[in-house]
PDB file of all heavy atoms in Angstrom:
ATOM      1  N   PRO A   1       3.213 -52.481 -53.366  1.00  0.00           N
ATOM      2  CA  PRO A   1       4.467 -51.834 -53.762  1.00  0.00           C
ATOM      3  C   PRO A   1       5.523 -51.749 -52.668  1.00  0.00           C
ATOM      4  O   PRO A   1       6.705 -51.650 -52.967  1.00  0.00           O
ATOM      5  CB  PRO A   1       4.010 -50.438 -54.196  1.00  0.00           C
ATOM      6  CG  PRO A   1       2.720 -50.222 -53.483  1.00  0.00           C
ATOM      7  CD  PRO A   1       2.072 -51.557 -53.367  1.00  0.00           C
ATOM      8  N   ASN A   2       5.130 -51.771 -51.421  1.00  0.00           N
ATOM      9  CA  ASN A   2       6.105 -51.654 -50.333  1.00  0.00           C
ATOM     10  C   ASN A   2       6.088 -52.936 -49.506  1.00  0.00           C
ATOM     11  O   ASN A   2       5.553 -52.974 -48.398  1.00  0.00           O
ATOM     12  CB  ASN A   2       5.782 -50.443 -49.455  1.00  0.00           C
ATOM     13  CG  ASN A   2       5.819 -49.154 -50.247  1.00  0.00           C
ATOM     14  OD1 ASN A   2       6.788 -48.878 -50.945  1.00  0.00           O
ATOM     15  ND2 ASN A   2       4.770 -48.351 -50.142  1.00  0.00           N
ATOM     16  N   PHE A   3       6.704 -53.987 -50.071  1.00  0.00           N
ATOM     17  CA  PHE A   3       6.659 -55.289 -49.422  1.00  0.00           C
ATOM     18  C   PHE A   3       7.957 -55.610 -48.693  1.00  0.00           C
ATOM     19  O   PHE A   3       8.362 -56.761 -48.556  1.00  0.00           O
ATOM     20  CB  PHE A   3       6.341 -56.382 -50.448  1.00  0.00           C
ATOM     21  CG  PHE A   3       5.691 -57.593 -49.848  1.00  0.00           C
ATOM     22  CD1 PHE A   3       4.389 -57.538 -49.371  1.00  0.00           C
ATOM     23  CD2 PHE A   3       6.384 -58.787 -49.749  1.00  0.00           C
ATOM     24  CE1 PHE A   3       3.790 -58.650 -48.801  1.00  0.00           C
ATOM     25  CE2 PHE A   3       5.797 -59.908 -49.182  1.00  0.00           C
ATOM     26  CZ  PHE A   3       4.498 -59.842 -48.712  1.00  0.00           C
ATOM     27  N   GLY A   4       8.622 -54.580 -48.222  1.00  0.00           N
ATOM     28  CA  GLY A   4       9.795 -54.755 -47.386  1.00  0.00           C
ATOM     29  C   GLY A   4      11.015 -55.244 -48.147  1.00  0.00           C
ATOM     30  O   GLY A   4      11.158 -55.064 -49.357  1.00  0.00           O
ATOM     31  N   LYS A   5      11.897 -55.898 -47.410  1.00  0.00           N
ATOM     32  CA  LYS A   5      13.154 -56.416 -47.947  1.00  0.00           C
ATOM     33  C   LYS A   5      13.118 -57.936 -47.932  1.00  0.00           C
ATOM     34  O   LYS A   5      12.838 -58.545 -46.897  1.00  0.00           O
ATOM     35  CB  LYS A   5      14.322 -55.909 -47.090  1.00  0.00           C
ATOM     36  CG  LYS A   5      15.684 -56.472 -47.481  1.00  0.00           C
ATOM     37  CD  LYS A   5      16.763 -55.954 -46.528  1.00  0.00           C
ATOM     38  CE  LYS A   5      18.134 -56.532 -46.882  1.00  0.00           C
ATOM     39  NZ  LYS A   5      19.186 -56.040 -45.947  1.00  0.00           N
ATOM     40  N   TYR A   6      13.390 -58.544 -49.082  1.00  0.00           N
ATOM     41  CA  TYR A   6      13.464 -60.008 -49.127  1.00  0.00           C
ATOM     42  C   TYR A   6      14.735 -60.450 -48.415  1.00  0.00           C
ATOM     43  O   TYR A   6      15.836 -60.002 -48.736  1.00  0.00           O
ATOM     44  CB  TYR A   6      13.464 -60.515 -50.567  1.00  0.00           C
ATOM     45  CG  TYR A   6      13.890 -61.964 -50.662  1.00  0.00           C
ATOM     46  CD1 TYR A   6      13.041 -62.977 -50.237  1.00  0.00           C
ATOM     47  CD2 TYR A   6      15.146 -62.311 -51.152  1.00  0.00           C
ATOM     48  CE1 TYR A   6      13.437 -64.307 -50.298  1.00  0.00           C
ATOM     49  CE2 TYR A   6      15.539 -63.632 -51.221  1.00  0.00           C
ATOM     50  CZ  TYR A   6      14.686 -64.630 -50.796  1.00  0.00           C
ATOM     51  OH  TYR A   6      15.077 -65.948 -50.847  1.00  0.00           O
ATOM     52  N   ILE A   7      14.572 -61.352 -47.431  1.00  0.00           N
ATOM     53  CA  ILE A   7      15.713 -61.833 -46.652  1.00  0.00           C
ATOM     54  C   ILE A   7      16.181 -63.200 -47.121  1.00  0.00           C
ATOM     55  O   ILE A   7      17.337 -63.395 -47.481  1.00  0.00           O
ATOM     56  CB  ILE A   7      15.360 -61.900 -45.144  1.00  0.00           C
ATOM     57  CG1 ILE A   7      14.992 -60.502 -44.633  1.00  0.00           C
ATOM     58  CG2 ILE A   7      16.531 -62.467 -44.335  1.00  0.00           C
ATOM     59  CD1 ILE A   7      16.144 -59.516 -44.672  1.00  0.00           C
ATOM     60  N   ILE A   8      15.254 -64.179 -47.118  1.00  0.00           N
ATOM     61  CA  ILE A   8      15.648 -65.556 -47.416  1.00  0.00           C
ATOM     62  C   ILE A   8      14.390 -66.407 -47.591  1.00  0.00           C
ATOM     63  O   ILE A   8      13.297 -66.008 -47.184  1.00  0.00           O
ATOM     64  CB  ILE A   8      16.527 -66.123 -46.271  1.00  0.00           C
ATOM     65  CG1 ILE A   8      17.360 -67.319 -46.735  1.00  0.00           C
ATOM     66  CG2 ILE A   8      15.692 -66.472 -45.042  1.00  0.00           C
ATOM     67  CD1 ILE A   8      18.455 -67.691 -45.760  1.00  0.00           C
ATOM     68  N   GLY A   9      14.553 -67.581 -48.221  1.00  0.00           N
ATOM     69  CA  GLY A   9      13.451 -68.532 -48.253  1.00  0.00           C
ATOM     70  C   GLY A   9      12.877 -68.863 -49.612  1.00  0.00           C
ATOM     71  O   GLY A   9      11.964 -69.677 -49.716  1.00  0.00           O
ATOM     72  N   LEU A  10      13.406 -68.259 -50.694  1.00  0.00           N
ATOM     73  CA  LEU A  10      13.003 -68.635 -52.045  1.00  0.00           C
ATOM     74  C   LEU A  10      14.089 -69.537 -52.624  1.00  0.00           C
ATOM     75  O   LEU A  10      15.262 -69.166 -52.634  1.00  0.00           O
ATOM     76  CB  LEU A  10      12.818 -67.409 -52.942  1.00  0.00           C
ATOM     77  CG  LEU A  10      11.608 -66.530 -52.648  1.00  0.00           C
ATOM     78  CD1 LEU A  10      11.649 -65.275 -53.521  1.00  0.00           C
ATOM     79  CD2 LEU A  10      10.304 -67.281 -52.882  1.00  0.00           C
ATOM     80  N   PRO A  11      13.726 -70.718 -53.116  1.00  0.00           N
ATOM     81  CA  PRO A  11      14.732 -71.630 -53.667  1.00  0.00           C
ATOM     82  C   PRO A  11      15.550 -70.967 -54.787  1.00  0.00           C
ATOM     83  O   PRO A  11      15.008 -70.275 -55.638  1.00  0.00           O
ATOM     84  CB  PRO A  11      13.889 -72.791 -54.212  1.00  0.00           C
ATOM     85  CG  PRO A  11      12.630 -72.759 -53.402  1.00  0.00           C
ATOM     86  CD  PRO A  11      12.376 -71.302 -53.143  1.00  0.00           C
ATOM     87  N   ASN A  12      16.866 -71.173 -54.724  1.00  0.00           N
ATOM     88  CA  ASN A  12      17.793 -70.682 -55.753  1.00  0.00           C
ATOM     89  C   ASN A  12      17.901 -69.165 -55.808  1.00  0.00           C
ATOM     90  O   ASN A  12      18.412 -68.617 -56.790  1.00  0.00           O
ATOM     91  CB  ASN A  12      17.398 -71.215 -57.139  1.00  0.00           C
ATOM     92  CG  ASN A  12      17.329 -72.734 -57.185  1.00  0.00           C
ATOM     93  OD1 ASN A  12      18.197 -73.416 -56.661  1.00  0.00           O
ATOM     94  ND2 ASN A  12      16.274 -73.261 -57.801  1.00  0.00           N
ATOM     95  N   VAL A  13      17.415 -68.485 -54.790  1.00  0.00           N
ATOM     96  CA  VAL A  13      17.582 -67.022 -54.714  1.00  0.00           C
ATOM     97  C   VAL A  13      18.487 -66.728 -53.527  1.00  0.00           C
ATOM     98  O   VAL A  13      18.070 -66.819 -52.370  1.00  0.00           O
ATOM     99  CB  VAL A  13      16.230 -66.298 -54.547  1.00  0.00           C
ATOM    100  CG1 VAL A  13      16.455 -64.777 -54.500  1.00  0.00           C
ATOM    101  CG2 VAL A  13      15.291 -66.655 -55.691  1.00  0.00           C
ATOM    102  N   ASN A  14      19.731 -66.393 -53.815  1.00  0.00           N
ATOM    103  CA  ASN A  14      20.730 -66.232 -52.754  1.00  0.00           C
ATOM    104  C   ASN A  14      21.020 -64.784 -52.390  1.00  0.00           C
ATOM    105  O   ASN A  14      21.742 -64.523 -51.434  1.00  0.00           O
ATOM    106  CB  ASN A  14      22.033 -66.914 -53.179  1.00  0.00           C
ATOM    107  CG  ASN A  14      21.847 -68.404 -53.407  1.00  0.00           C
ATOM    108  OD1 ASN A  14      21.198 -69.084 -52.635  1.00  0.00           O
ATOM    109  ND2 ASN A  14      22.432 -68.916 -54.494  1.00  0.00           N
ATOM    110  N   LEU A  15      20.465 -63.854 -53.156  1.00  0.00           N
ATOM    111  CA  LEU A  15      20.667 -62.440 -52.868  1.00  0.00           C
ATOM    112  C   LEU A  15      19.497 -61.888 -52.073  1.00  0.00           C
ATOM    113  O   LEU A  15      18.393 -62.430 -52.110  1.00  0.00           O
ATOM    114  CB  LEU A  15      20.826 -61.645 -54.168  1.00  0.00           C
ATOM    115  CG  LEU A  15      22.025 -62.007 -55.053  1.00  0.00           C
ATOM    116  CD1 LEU A  15      21.972 -61.192 -56.342  1.00  0.00           C
ATOM    117  CD2 LEU A  15      23.336 -61.769 -54.334  1.00  0.00           C
ATOM    118  N   GLN A  16      19.742 -60.805 -51.349  1.00  0.00           N
ATOM    119  CA  GLN A  16      18.674 -60.091 -50.660  1.00  0.00           C
ATOM    120  C   GLN A  16      18.305 -58.862 -51.492  1.00  0.00           C
ATOM    121  O   GLN A  16      19.170 -58.236 -52.106  1.00  0.00           O
ATOM    122  CB  GLN A  16      19.116 -59.687 -49.258  1.00  0.00           C
ATOM    123  CG  GLN A  16      19.384 -60.878 -48.353  1.00  0.00           C
ATOM    124  CD  GLN A  16      19.690 -60.469 -46.920  1.00  0.00           C
ATOM    125  OE1 GLN A  16      19.888 -59.292 -46.618  1.00  0.00           O
ATOM    126  NE2 GLN A  16      19.731 -61.447 -46.029  1.00  0.00           N
ATOM    127  N   TYR A  17      17.015 -58.548 -51.504  1.00  0.00           N
ATOM    128  CA  TYR A  17      16.520 -57.428 -52.309  1.00  0.00           C
ATOM    129  C   TYR A  17      15.725 -56.482 -51.427  1.00  0.00           C
ATOM    130  O   TYR A  17      14.832 -56.907 -50.698  1.00  0.00           O
ATOM    131  CB  TYR A  17      15.625 -57.935 -53.442  1.00  0.00           C
ATOM    132  CG  TYR A  17      16.345 -58.767 -54.475  1.00  0.00           C
ATOM    133  CD1 TYR A  17      16.401 -60.155 -54.351  1.00  0.00           C
ATOM    134  CD2 TYR A  17      16.957 -58.182 -55.581  1.00  0.00           C
ATOM    135  CE1 TYR A  17      17.059 -60.933 -55.298  1.00  0.00           C
ATOM    136  CE2 TYR A  17      17.610 -58.942 -56.530  1.00  0.00           C
ATOM    137  CZ  TYR A  17      17.660 -60.319 -56.387  1.00  0.00           C
ATOM    138  OH  TYR A  17      18.307 -61.090 -57.325  1.00  0.00           O
ATOM    139  N   ALA A  18      16.046 -55.195 -51.520  1.00  0.00           N
ATOM    140  CA  ALA A  18      15.350 -54.187 -50.722  1.00  0.00           C
ATOM    141  C   ALA A  18      14.229 -53.548 -51.532  1.00  0.00           C
ATOM    142  O   ALA A  18      14.249 -53.544 -52.765  1.00  0.00           O
ATOM    143  CB  ALA A  18      16.337 -53.117 -50.262  1.00  0.00           C
ATOM    144  N   GLU A  19      13.247 -53.023 -50.818  1.00  0.00           N
ATOM    145  CA  GLU A  19      12.149 -52.250 -51.426  1.00  0.00           C
ATOM    146  C   GLU A  19      11.501 -53.010 -52.584  1.00  0.00           C
ATOM    147  O   GLU A  19      11.355 -52.482 -53.695  1.00  0.00           O
ATOM    148  CB  GLU A  19      12.678 -50.895 -51.929  1.00  0.00           C
ATOM    149  CG  GLU A  19      13.267 -50.036 -50.823  1.00  0.00           C
ATOM    150  CD  GLU A  19      13.849 -48.739 -51.362  1.00  0.00           C
ATOM    151  OE1 GLU A  19      13.687 -48.475 -52.560  1.00  0.00           O
ATOM    152  OE2 GLU A  19      14.462 -47.999 -50.585  1.00  0.00           O
ATOM    153  N   ILE A  20      11.079 -54.221 -52.304  1.00  0.00           N
ATOM    154  CA  ILE A  20      10.518 -55.038 -53.376  1.00  0.00           C
ATOM    155  C   ILE A  20       9.030 -54.771 -53.559  1.00  0.00           C
ATOM    156  O   ILE A  20       8.371 -54.175 -52.705  1.00  0.00           O
ATOM    157  CB  ILE A  20      10.756 -56.539 -53.120  1.00  0.00           C
ATOM    158  CG1 ILE A  20       9.882 -57.015 -51.948  1.00  0.00           C
ATOM    159  CG2 ILE A  20      12.206 -56.842 -52.852  1.00  0.00           C
ATOM    160  CD1 ILE A  20       9.810 -58.512 -51.851  1.00  0.00           C
ATOM    161  N   THR A  21       8.529 -55.216 -54.697  1.00  0.00           N
ATOM    162  CA  THR A  21       7.105 -55.173 -54.997  1.00  0.00           C
ATOM    163  C   THR A  21       6.591 -56.601 -55.076  1.00  0.00           C
ATOM    164  O   THR A  21       7.233 -57.461 -55.678  1.00  0.00           O
ATOM    165  CB  THR A  21       6.843 -54.459 -56.336  1.00  0.00           C
ATOM    166  OG1 THR A  21       7.256 -53.094 -56.237  1.00  0.00           O
ATOM    167  CG2 THR A  21       5.356 -54.510 -56.704  1.00  0.00           C
ATOM    168  N   CYS A  22       5.448 -56.853 -54.447  1.00  0.00           N
ATOM    169  CA  CYS A  22       4.813 -58.168 -54.510  1.00  0.00           C
ATOM    170  C   CYS A  22       3.597 -58.074 -55.420  1.00  0.00           C
ATOM    171  O   CYS A  22       2.649 -57.340 -55.133  1.00  0.00           O
ATOM    172  CB  CYS A  22       4.392 -58.637 -53.117  1.00  0.00           C
ATOM    173  SG  CYS A  22       3.441 -60.178 -53.111  1.00  0.00           S
ATOM    174  N   GLY A  23       3.649 -58.786 -56.541  1.00  0.00           N
ATOM    175  CA  GLY A  23       2.503 -58.843 -57.435  1.00  0.00           C
ATOM    176  C   GLY A  23       1.624 -60.035 -57.079  1.00  0.00           C
ATOM    177  O   GLY A  23       2.112 -61.052 -56.587  1.00  0.00           O
ATOM    178  N   ILE A  24       0.330 -59.905 -57.316  1.00  0.00           N
ATOM    179  CA  ILE A  24      -0.620 -60.970 -56.987  1.00  0.00           C
ATOM    180  C   ILE A  24      -1.422 -61.322 -58.233  1.00  0.00           C
ATOM    181  O   ILE A  24      -2.125 -60.475 -58.793  1.00  0.00           O
ATOM    182  CB  ILE A  24      -1.578 -60.525 -55.864  1.00  0.00           C
ATOM    183  CG1 ILE A  24      -0.789 -60.069 -54.631  1.00  0.00           C
ATOM    184  CG2 ILE A  24      -2.531 -61.661 -55.493  1.00  0.00           C
ATOM    185  CD1 ILE A  24      -1.635 -59.390 -53.582  1.00  0.00           C
ATOM    186  N   SER A  25      -1.285 -62.575 -58.686  1.00  0.00           N
ATOM    187  CA  SER A  25      -2.105 -63.072 -59.781  1.00  0.00           C
ATOM    188  C   SER A  25      -3.073 -64.110 -59.224  1.00  0.00           C
ATOM    189  O   SER A  25      -3.112 -64.335 -58.009  1.00  0.00           O
ATOM    190  CB  SER A  25      -1.228 -63.691 -60.879  1.00  0.00           C
ATOM    191  OG  SER A  25      -0.713 -64.945 -60.466  1.00  0.00           O
ATOM    192  N   ASP A  26      -3.827 -64.739 -60.083  1.00  0.00           N
ATOM    193  CA  ASP A  26      -4.766 -65.760 -59.606  1.00  0.00           C
ATOM    194  C   ASP A  26      -4.041 -66.975 -59.033  1.00  0.00           C
ATOM    195  O   ASP A  26      -4.589 -67.691 -58.197  1.00  0.00           O
ATOM    196  CB  ASP A  26      -5.678 -66.218 -60.754  1.00  0.00           C
ATOM    197  CG  ASP A  26      -6.653 -65.131 -61.172  1.00  0.00           C
ATOM    198  OD1 ASP A  26      -7.011 -64.305 -60.313  1.00  0.00           O
ATOM    199  OD2 ASP A  26      -7.030 -65.102 -62.355  1.00  0.00           O
ATOM    200  N   GLU A  27      -2.785 -67.189 -59.467  1.00  0.00           N
ATOM    201  CA  GLU A  27      -2.084 -68.401 -59.080  1.00  0.00           C
ATOM    202  C   GLU A  27      -0.782 -68.164 -58.329  1.00  0.00           C
ATOM    203  O   GLU A  27      -0.296 -69.058 -57.646  1.00  0.00           O
ATOM    204  CB  GLU A  27      -1.773 -69.243 -60.328  1.00  0.00           C
ATOM    205  CG  GLU A  27      -3.020 -69.709 -61.083  1.00  0.00           C
ATOM    206  CD  GLU A  27      -2.675 -70.507 -62.313  1.00  0.00           C
ATOM    207  OE1 GLU A  27      -1.474 -70.528 -62.689  1.00  0.00           O
ATOM    208  OE2 GLU A  27      -3.588 -71.120 -62.894  1.00  0.00           O
ATOM    209  N   LEU A  28      -0.212 -66.960 -58.440  1.00  0.00           N
ATOM    210  CA  LEU A  28       1.131 -66.735 -57.918  1.00  0.00           C
ATOM    211  C   LEU A  28       1.258 -65.447 -57.116  1.00  0.00           C
ATOM    212  O   LEU A  28       0.540 -64.478 -57.372  1.00  0.00           O
ATOM    213  CB  LEU A  28       2.152 -66.665 -59.070  1.00  0.00           C
ATOM    214  CG  LEU A  28       2.309 -67.864 -59.991  1.00  0.00           C
ATOM    215  CD1 LEU A  28       3.216 -67.489 -61.155  1.00  0.00           C
ATOM    216  CD2 LEU A  28       2.871 -69.062 -59.243  1.00  0.00           C
ATOM    217  N   LEU A  29       2.195 -65.449 -56.163  1.00  0.00           N
ATOM    218  CA  LEU A  29       2.768 -64.227 -55.615  1.00  0.00           C
ATOM    219  C   LEU A  29       4.062 -64.012 -56.385  1.00  0.00           C
ATOM    220  O   LEU A  29       4.911 -64.913 -56.451  1.00  0.00           O
ATOM    221  CB  LEU A  29       3.062 -64.366 -54.119  1.00  0.00           C
ATOM    222  CG  LEU A  29       1.875 -64.557 -53.183  1.00  0.00           C
ATOM    223  CD1 LEU A  29       2.357 -64.599 -51.736  1.00  0.00           C
ATOM    224  CD2 LEU A  29       0.842 -63.458 -53.362  1.00  0.00           C
ATOM    225  N   ILE A  30       4.231 -62.834 -56.972  1.00  0.00           N
ATOM    226  CA  ILE A  30       5.362 -62.560 -57.859  1.00  0.00           C
ATOM    227  C   ILE A  30       6.205 -61.457 -57.220  1.00  0.00           C
ATOM    228  O   ILE A  30       5.681 -60.391 -56.853  1.00  0.00           O
ATOM    229  CB  ILE A  30       4.862 -62.106 -59.241  1.00  0.00           C
ATOM    230  CG1 ILE A  30       3.896 -63.152 -59.807  1.00  0.00           C
ATOM    231  CG2 ILE A  30       6.021 -61.864 -60.189  1.00  0.00           C
ATOM    232  CD1 ILE A  30       2.840 -62.576 -60.716  1.00  0.00           C
ATOM    233  N   PHE A  31       7.502 -61.684 -57.110  1.00  0.00           N
ATOM    234  CA  PHE A  31       8.365 -60.741 -56.414  1.00  0.00           C
ATOM    235  C   PHE A  31       9.301 -60.036 -57.401  1.00  0.00           C
ATOM    236  O   PHE A  31      10.017 -60.662 -58.179  1.00  0.00           O
ATOM    237  CB  PHE A  31       9.151 -61.455 -55.331  1.00  0.00           C
ATOM    238  CG  PHE A  31       8.261 -62.169 -54.349  1.00  0.00           C
ATOM    239  CD1 PHE A  31       8.196 -63.552 -54.317  1.00  0.00           C
ATOM    240  CD2 PHE A  31       7.429 -61.453 -53.498  1.00  0.00           C
ATOM    241  CE1 PHE A  31       7.354 -64.210 -53.432  1.00  0.00           C
ATOM    242  CE2 PHE A  31       6.572 -62.093 -52.616  1.00  0.00           C
ATOM    243  CZ  PHE A  31       6.539 -63.486 -52.584  1.00  0.00           C
ATOM    244  N   ILE A  32       9.263 -58.688 -57.339  1.00  0.00           N
ATOM    245  CA  ILE A  32      10.018 -57.837 -58.255  1.00  0.00           C
ATOM    246  C   ILE A  32      10.972 -56.964 -57.441  1.00  0.00           C
ATOM    247  O   ILE A  32      10.579 -56.358 -56.446  1.00  0.00           O
ATOM    248  CB  ILE A  32       9.077 -56.929 -59.083  1.00  0.00           C
ATOM    249  CG1 ILE A  32       7.938 -57.744 -59.700  1.00  0.00           C
ATOM    250  CG2 ILE A  32       9.864 -56.188 -60.149  1.00  0.00           C
ATOM    251  CD1 ILE A  32       8.362 -58.784 -60.683  1.00  0.00           C
ATOM    252  N   SER A  33      12.237 -56.890 -57.878  1.00  0.00           N
ATOM    253  CA  SER A  33      13.227 -56.074 -57.176  1.00  0.00           C
ATOM    254  C   SER A  33      12.986 -54.593 -57.443  1.00  0.00           C
ATOM    255  O   SER A  33      12.186 -54.219 -58.307  1.00  0.00           O
ATOM    256  CB  SER A  33      14.639 -56.454 -57.635  1.00  0.00           C
ATOM    257  OG  SER A  33      14.854 -56.020 -58.975  1.00  0.00           O
ATOM    258  N   ASN A  34      13.724 -53.746 -56.707  1.00  0.00           N
ATOM    259  CA  ASN A  34      13.549 -52.303 -56.895  1.00  0.00           C
ATOM    260  C   ASN A  34      14.145 -51.798 -58.203  1.00  0.00           C
ATOM    261  O   ASN A  34      14.017 -50.622 -58.541  1.00  0.00           O
ATOM    262  CB  ASN A  34      14.139 -51.527 -55.712  1.00  0.00           C
ATOM    263  CG  ASN A  34      15.615 -51.803 -55.503  1.00  0.00           C
ATOM    264  OD1 ASN A  34      16.230 -52.573 -56.243  1.00  0.00           O
ATOM    265  ND2 ASN A  34      16.192 -51.192 -54.482  1.00  0.00           N
ATOM    266  N   THR A  35      14.794 -52.705 -58.951  1.00  0.00           N
ATOM    267  CA  THR A  35      15.274 -52.349 -60.286  1.00  0.00           C
ATOM    268  C   THR A  35      14.326 -52.870 -61.369  1.00  0.00           C
ATOM    269  O   THR A  35      14.638 -52.827 -62.564  1.00  0.00           O
ATOM    270  CB  THR A  35      16.689 -52.917 -60.541  1.00  0.00           C
ATOM    271  OG1 THR A  35      16.678 -54.343 -60.333  1.00  0.00           O
ATOM    272  CG2 THR A  35      17.695 -52.277 -59.606  1.00  0.00           C
ATOM    273  N   GLY A  36      13.166 -53.387 -60.947  1.00  0.00           N
ATOM    274  CA  GLY A  36      12.156 -53.826 -61.900  1.00  0.00           C
ATOM    275  C   GLY A  36      12.357 -55.215 -62.456  1.00  0.00           C
ATOM    276  O   GLY A  36      11.770 -55.568 -63.477  1.00  0.00           O
ATOM    277  N   ASN A  37      13.182 -56.027 -61.781  1.00  0.00           N
ATOM    278  CA  ASN A  37      13.472 -57.372 -62.269  1.00  0.00           C
ATOM    279  C   ASN A  37      12.753 -58.439 -61.432  1.00  0.00           C
ATOM    280  O   ASN A  37      12.754 -58.373 -60.202  1.00  0.00           O
ATOM    281  CB  ASN A  37      14.977 -57.643 -62.242  1.00  0.00           C
ATOM    282  CG  ASN A  37      15.739 -56.751 -63.201  1.00  0.00           C
ATOM    283  OD1 ASN A  37      15.350 -56.594 -64.348  1.00  0.00           O
ATOM    284  ND2 ASN A  37      16.815 -56.154 -62.726  1.00  0.00           N
ATOM    285  N   TYR A  38      12.170 -59.399 -62.112  1.00  0.00           N
ATOM    286  CA  TYR A  38      11.558 -60.544 -61.436  1.00  0.00           C
ATOM    287  C   TYR A  38      12.660 -61.386 -60.799  1.00  0.00           C
ATOM    288  O   TYR A  38      13.695 -61.632 -61.404  1.00  0.00           O
ATOM    289  CB  TYR A  38      10.791 -61.389 -62.458  1.00  0.00           C
ATOM    290  CG  TYR A  38      10.528 -62.803 -62.022  1.00  0.00           C
ATOM    291  CD1 TYR A  38       9.384 -63.125 -61.295  1.00  0.00           C
ATOM    292  CD2 TYR A  38      11.419 -63.823 -62.329  1.00  0.00           C
ATOM    293  CE1 TYR A  38       9.148 -64.435 -60.883  1.00  0.00           C
ATOM    294  CE2 TYR A  38      11.195 -65.120 -61.937  1.00  0.00           C
ATOM    295  CZ  TYR A  38      10.055 -65.425 -61.209  1.00  0.00           C
ATOM    296  OH  TYR A  38       9.839 -66.718 -60.811  1.00  0.00           O
ATOM    297  N   PHE A  39      12.442 -61.853 -59.554  1.00  0.00           N
ATOM    298  CA  PHE A  39      13.452 -62.722 -58.951  1.00  0.00           C
ATOM    299  C   PHE A  39      12.867 -63.959 -58.261  1.00  0.00           C
ATOM    300  O   PHE A  39      13.618 -64.806 -57.770  1.00  0.00           O
ATOM    301  CB  PHE A  39      14.349 -61.950 -57.970  1.00  0.00           C
ATOM    302  CG  PHE A  39      13.660 -61.473 -56.719  1.00  0.00           C
ATOM    303  CD1 PHE A  39      13.590 -62.279 -55.585  1.00  0.00           C
ATOM    304  CD2 PHE A  39      13.105 -60.207 -56.664  1.00  0.00           C
ATOM    305  CE1 PHE A  39      12.982 -61.827 -54.423  1.00  0.00           C
ATOM    306  CE2 PHE A  39      12.492 -59.751 -55.503  1.00  0.00           C
ATOM    307  CZ  PHE A  39      12.429 -60.562 -54.381  1.00  0.00           C
ATOM    308  N   GLY A  40      11.549 -64.088 -58.216  1.00  0.00           N
ATOM    309  CA  GLY A  40      10.999 -65.293 -57.605  1.00  0.00           C
ATOM    310  C   GLY A  40       9.491 -65.232 -57.484  1.00  0.00           C
ATOM    311  O   GLY A  40       8.865 -64.193 -57.681  1.00  0.00           O
ATOM    312  N   HIS A  41       8.901 -66.387 -57.151  1.00  0.00           N
ATOM    313  CA  HIS A  41       7.445 -66.441 -56.968  1.00  0.00           C
ATOM    314  C   HIS A  41       7.091 -67.565 -56.001  1.00  0.00           C
ATOM    315  O   HIS A  41       7.907 -68.441 -55.715  1.00  0.00           O
ATOM    316  CB  HIS A  41       6.736 -66.655 -58.308  1.00  0.00           C
ATOM    317  CG  HIS A  41       6.983 -68.014 -58.904  1.00  0.00           C
ATOM    318  ND1 HIS A  41       8.000 -68.249 -59.795  1.00  0.00           N
ATOM    319  CD2 HIS A  41       6.360 -69.211 -58.720  1.00  0.00           C
ATOM    320  CE1 HIS A  41       7.999 -69.525 -60.141  1.00  0.00           C
ATOM    321  NE2 HIS A  41       7.016 -70.141 -59.509  1.00  0.00           N
ATOM    322  N   ILE A  42       5.861 -67.516 -55.509  1.00  0.00           N
ATOM    323  CA  ILE A  42       5.311 -68.559 -54.654  1.00  0.00           C
ATOM    324  C   ILE A  42       3.922 -68.910 -55.186  1.00  0.00           C
ATOM    325  O   ILE A  42       3.080 -68.017 -55.325  1.00  0.00           O
ATOM    326  CB  ILE A  42       5.200 -68.099 -53.193  1.00  0.00           C
ATOM    327  CG1 ILE A  42       6.591 -67.820 -52.603  1.00  0.00           C
ATOM    328  CG2 ILE A  42       4.471 -69.138 -52.341  1.00  0.00           C
ATOM    329  CD1 ILE A  42       6.556 -67.259 -51.192  1.00  0.00           C
ATOM    330  N   PRO A  43       3.662 -70.186 -55.479  1.00  0.00           N
ATOM    331  CA  PRO A  43       2.301 -70.585 -55.882  1.00  0.00           C
ATOM    332  C   PRO A  43       1.328 -70.372 -54.725  1.00  0.00           C
ATOM    333  O   PRO A  43       1.582 -70.813 -53.596  1.00  0.00           O
ATOM    334  CB  PRO A  43       2.451 -72.071 -56.224  1.00  0.00           C
ATOM    335  CG  PRO A  43       3.919 -72.275 -56.470  1.00  0.00           C
ATOM    336  CD  PRO A  43       4.612 -71.319 -55.561  1.00  0.00           C
ATOM    337  N   ILE A  44       0.240 -69.699 -54.982  1.00  0.00           N
ATOM    338  CA  ILE A  44      -0.706 -69.371 -53.923  1.00  0.00           C
ATOM    339  C   ILE A  44      -1.299 -70.622 -53.283  1.00  0.00           C
ATOM    340  O   ILE A  44      -1.478 -70.681 -52.061  1.00  0.00           O
ATOM    341  CB  ILE A  44      -1.812 -68.451 -54.468  1.00  0.00           C
ATOM    342  CG1 ILE A  44      -1.230 -67.052 -54.742  1.00  0.00           C
ATOM    343  CG2 ILE A  44      -2.992 -68.342 -53.503  1.00  0.00           C
ATOM    344  CD1 ILE A  44      -2.192 -66.086 -55.381  1.00  0.00           C
ATOM    345  N   ASN A  45      -1.575 -71.643 -54.104  1.00  0.00           N
ATOM    346  CA  ASN A  45      -2.205 -72.847 -53.542  1.00  0.00           C
ATOM    347  C   ASN A  45      -1.253 -73.700 -52.713  1.00  0.00           C
ATOM    348  O   ASN A  45      -1.649 -74.705 -52.140  1.00  0.00           O
ATOM    349  CB  ASN A  45      -2.846 -73.690 -54.645  1.00  0.00           C
ATOM    350  CG  ASN A  45      -1.829 -74.226 -55.647  1.00  0.00           C
ATOM    351  OD1 ASN A  45      -0.613 -74.061 -55.485  1.00  0.00           O
ATOM    352  ND2 ASN A  45      -2.319 -74.864 -56.696  1.00  0.00           N
ATOM    353  N   SER A  46       0.029 -73.294 -52.657  1.00  0.00           N
ATOM    354  CA  SER A  46       0.999 -74.040 -51.842  1.00  0.00           C
ATOM    355  C   SER A  46       1.193 -73.418 -50.462  1.00  0.00           C
ATOM    356  O   SER A  46       1.901 -73.972 -49.622  1.00  0.00           O
ATOM    357  CB  SER A  46       2.352 -74.098 -52.555  1.00  0.00           C
ATOM    358  OG  SER A  46       2.982 -72.817 -52.548  1.00  0.00           O
ATOM    359  N   ILE A  47       0.562 -72.258 -50.225  1.00  0.00           N
ATOM    360  CA  ILE A  47       0.775 -71.525 -48.971  1.00  0.00           C
ATOM    361  C   ILE A  47      -0.042 -72.150 -47.842  1.00  0.00           C
ATOM    362  O   ILE A  47      -1.247 -72.344 -47.969  1.00  0.00           O
ATOM    363  CB  ILE A  47       0.402 -70.037 -49.142  1.00  0.00           C
ATOM    364  CG1 ILE A  47       1.313 -69.393 -50.182  1.00  0.00           C
ATOM    365  CG2 ILE A  47       0.513 -69.295 -47.813  1.00  0.00           C
ATOM    366  CD1 ILE A  47       0.935 -67.969 -50.548  1.00  0.00           C
TER     367      ILE A  47
END
């Protein structure tokens, strides 16, 4: 729940988001803004 502030590095995401939540599924890291909106993800097997 306290995954800091997103700065940069997700394709096509040009805004910065504070106080984000990082969700973890079997395949993805999922990033949610402090307003409860999804804004990006990273495939786990690509890390």
